[in-house]
Amino acid sequence: MGKVNFSNADTNYRVRDKKKITHLIKELFNIESQGLKSINYIICTDEYLLDINKQFLHHDFYTDIITFDLSDILDQTMGEIYISIDRVKDNATTLNVEEQIELLRVIIHGALHLCGYRDKRKSEITIMREKEDYYLSLFGKHFDSHDQI
């Protein structure tokens, strides 16, 4: 199965337990019956992602994630997923969840976008949240509660 890579753009933030997360993302693609060639997760700051949002989507606001589907062959998913660690931290505080759990939710969210899920309409958002919760629960079942994400 494909590759899942993590890198940084303009921050030194370190994603912990990359192997466990990679396993989950590959399992997600398997369950969703989607081929996976590669996903590159790029961790960045608000300002970096704002520039991408303005340049490519013509939106002038902060966001936690932007997903680019770079696939050119059916069932061979390739993508770049930019994640603002600043937004993840703020969301975690607002939602009163651990930062690492919120990061994992956003990582899953980007993978689900590459599998064809959308989140523009209320019905789509509901499905996306249910899928996120499902994959978060899978992650929790595979690792004991003392493990860090």
Protein backbone atom coordinates (compact mmCIF):
# COMPACT_ATOMS: atom_id res chain seq x y z
CA MET A 1 0.00 0.00 0.00
CA GLY A 2 0.99 3.64 -0.43
CA LYS A 3 3.14 6.04 1.49
CA VAL A 4 2.15 8.52 4.18
CA ASN A 5 4.69 11.26 4.82
CA PHE A 6 4.88 14.05 7.39
CA SER A 7 6.92 17.21 7.01
CA ASN A 8 7.02 20.80 8.20
CA ALA A 9 6.78 23.98 6.17
CA ASP A 10 7.54 26.86 8.53
CA THR A 11 7.37 25.30 11.98
CA ASN A 12 9.38 22.80 13.98
CA TYR A 13 6.27 21.05 15.30
CA ARG A 14 6.88 17.33 15.71
CA VAL A 15 4.06 14.91 14.93
CA ARG A 16 4.33 12.10 17.45
CA ASP A 17 3.76 8.42 16.69
CA LYS A 18 3.88 8.77 12.94
CA LYS A 19 3.97 4.99 12.46
CA LYS A 20 0.70 4.50 14.36
CA ILE A 21 -0.96 7.34 12.46
CA THR A 22 0.34 5.99 9.16
CA HIS A 23 -1.15 2.59 9.98
CA LEU A 24 -4.51 4.22 10.74
CA ILE A 25 -4.52 6.22 7.49
CA LYS A 26 -3.70 3.12 5.45
CA GLU A 27 -6.47 1.24 7.26
CA LEU A 28 -8.87 4.12 6.53
CA PHE A 29 -8.13 3.89 2.80
CA ASN A 30 -8.57 0.14 2.91
CA ILE A 31 -11.94 0.36 4.69
CA GLU A 32 -13.08 3.11 2.32
CA SER A 33 -12.02 0.91 -0.66
CA GLN A 34 -9.72 3.60 -2.02
CA GLY A 35 -6.32 2.98 -3.53
CA LEU A 36 -3.53 4.96 -1.91
CA LYS A 37 -0.35 5.95 -3.69
CA SER A 38 0.85 8.73 -1.38
CA ILE A 39 -0.23 11.45 1.02
CA ASN A 40 2.05 14.22 2.17
CA TYR A 41 0.96 15.94 5.38
CA ILE A 42 2.62 19.33 5.73
CA ILE A 43 2.44 20.97 9.16
CA CYS A 44 2.56 24.75 9.01
CA THR A 45 1.51 27.98 10.74
CA ASP A 46 -1.63 30.04 10.30
CA GLU A 47 0.18 32.55 8.10
CA TYR A 48 1.59 29.89 5.79
CA LEU A 49 -1.81 28.26 5.31
CA LEU A 50 -3.51 31.66 4.89
CA ASP A 51 -1.17 32.37 1.97
CA ILE A 52 -2.12 29.03 0.37
CA ASN A 53 -5.81 29.74 1.01
CA LYS A 54 -5.53 33.13 -0.70
CA GLN A 55 -3.40 31.93 -3.61
CA PHE A 56 -5.19 28.72 -4.55
CA LEU A 57 -8.73 29.05 -3.15
CA HIS A 58 -9.09 32.87 -3.17
CA HIS A 59 -10.24 32.80 0.46
CA ASP A 60 -8.94 35.40 2.91
CA PHE A 61 -9.42 33.59 6.21
CA TYR A 62 -7.67 31.15 8.50
CA THR A 63 -8.46 27.46 8.26
CA ASP A 64 -7.11 24.36 9.94
CA ILE A 65 -6.65 22.26 6.81
CA ILE A 66 -6.43 22.46 3.03
CA THR A 67 -6.42 19.25 1.01
CA PHE A 68 -5.15 19.02 -2.55
CA ASP A 69 -6.05 15.91 -4.53
CA LEU A 70 -3.16 15.35 -6.95
CA SER A 71 -4.41 12.02 -8.26
CA ASP A 72 -4.10 11.47 -11.98
CA ILE A 73 -5.03 7.78 -12.07
CA LEU A 74 -8.32 6.40 -10.82
CA ASP A 75 -7.95 4.52 -7.51
CA GLN A 76 -4.36 5.73 -7.03
CA THR A 77 -4.92 8.54 -4.55
CA MET A 78 -2.18 11.12 -4.24
CA GLY A 79 -2.55 14.21 -2.15
CA GLU A 80 -1.00 17.04 -0.20
CA ILE A 81 -2.65 18.04 3.04
CA TYR A 82 -1.61 21.27 4.74
CA ILE A 83 -2.47 21.56 8.43
CA SER A 84 -2.17 24.74 10.49
CA ILE A 85 -0.87 23.67 13.87
CA ASP A 86 -1.96 27.08 15.22
CA ARG A 87 -5.61 26.32 14.31
CA VAL A 88 -5.33 22.79 15.70
CA LYS A 89 -4.10 24.15 19.03
CA ASP A 90 -6.84 26.79 19.16
CA ASN A 91 -9.52 24.25 18.19
CA ALA A 92 -8.32 21.87 20.89
CA THR A 93 -8.63 24.61 23.50
CA THR A 94 -12.06 25.69 22.25
CA LEU A 95 -13.34 22.10 22.09
CA ASN A 96 -11.65 21.15 25.37
CA VAL A 97 -9.83 18.16 23.87
CA GLU A 98 -6.20 17.16 23.88
CA GLU A 99 -4.13 18.81 21.16
CA GLN A 100 -2.96 15.44 19.83
CA ILE A 101 -6.53 14.17 19.52
CA GLU A 102 -7.54 17.27 17.57
CA LEU A 103 -4.49 16.87 15.32
CA LEU A 104 -5.43 13.25 14.65
CA ARG A 105 -9.01 14.32 13.84
CA VAL A 106 -7.72 16.86 11.30
CA ILE A 107 -5.33 14.28 9.80
CA ILE A 108 -8.28 11.88 9.39
CA HIS A 109 -10.43 14.70 8.00
CA GLY A 110 -7.93 15.36 5.20
CA ALA A 111 -7.73 11.67 4.32
CA LEU A 112 -11.54 11.51 4.16
CA HIS A 113 -11.55 14.44 1.73
CA LEU A 114 -9.21 12.45 -0.51
CA CYS A 115 -11.67 9.53 -0.29
CA GLY A 116 -14.38 11.78 -1.69
CA TYR A 117 -16.14 13.05 1.43
CA ARG A 118 -17.19 16.69 1.47
CA ASP A 119 -18.22 19.06 4.24
CA LYS A 120 -20.05 22.00 2.69
CA ARG A 121 -23.66 21.07 3.48
CA LYS A 122 -25.05 20.14 6.87
CA SER A 123 -25.71 16.54 5.76
CA GLU A 124 -22.11 16.22 4.50
CA ILE A 125 -20.72 17.64 7.74
CA THR A 126 -22.73 15.09 9.73
CA ILE A 127 -21.32 12.20 7.70
CA MET A 128 -17.78 13.63 7.92
CA ARG A 129 -18.01 13.91 11.74
CA GLU A 130 -19.35 10.36 12.03
CA LYS A 131 -16.46 9.06 9.91
CA GLU A 132 -13.92 11.06 11.93
CA ASP A 133 -15.34 9.66 15.18
CA TYR A 134 -15.28 6.13 13.77
CA TYR A 135 -11.62 6.31 12.75
CA LEU A 136 -10.65 7.99 16.02
CA SER A 137 -12.32 5.09 17.84
CA LEU A 138 -10.40 2.59 15.71
CA PHE A 139 -7.18 4.31 16.66
CA GLY A 140 -8.16 4.10 20.32
CA LYS A 141 -9.00 0.40 20.07
CA HIS A 142 -5.62 -0.46 18.59
CA PHE A 143 -3.53 1.24 21.27
CA ASP A 144 -3.88 1.32 25.00
CA SER A 145 -4.77 4.57 26.71
CA HIS A 146 -1.23 5.06 28.01
CA ASP A 147 0.16 5.39 24.51
CA GLN A 148 0.51 8.90 23.16
CA ILE A 149 -0.84 9.80 19.78
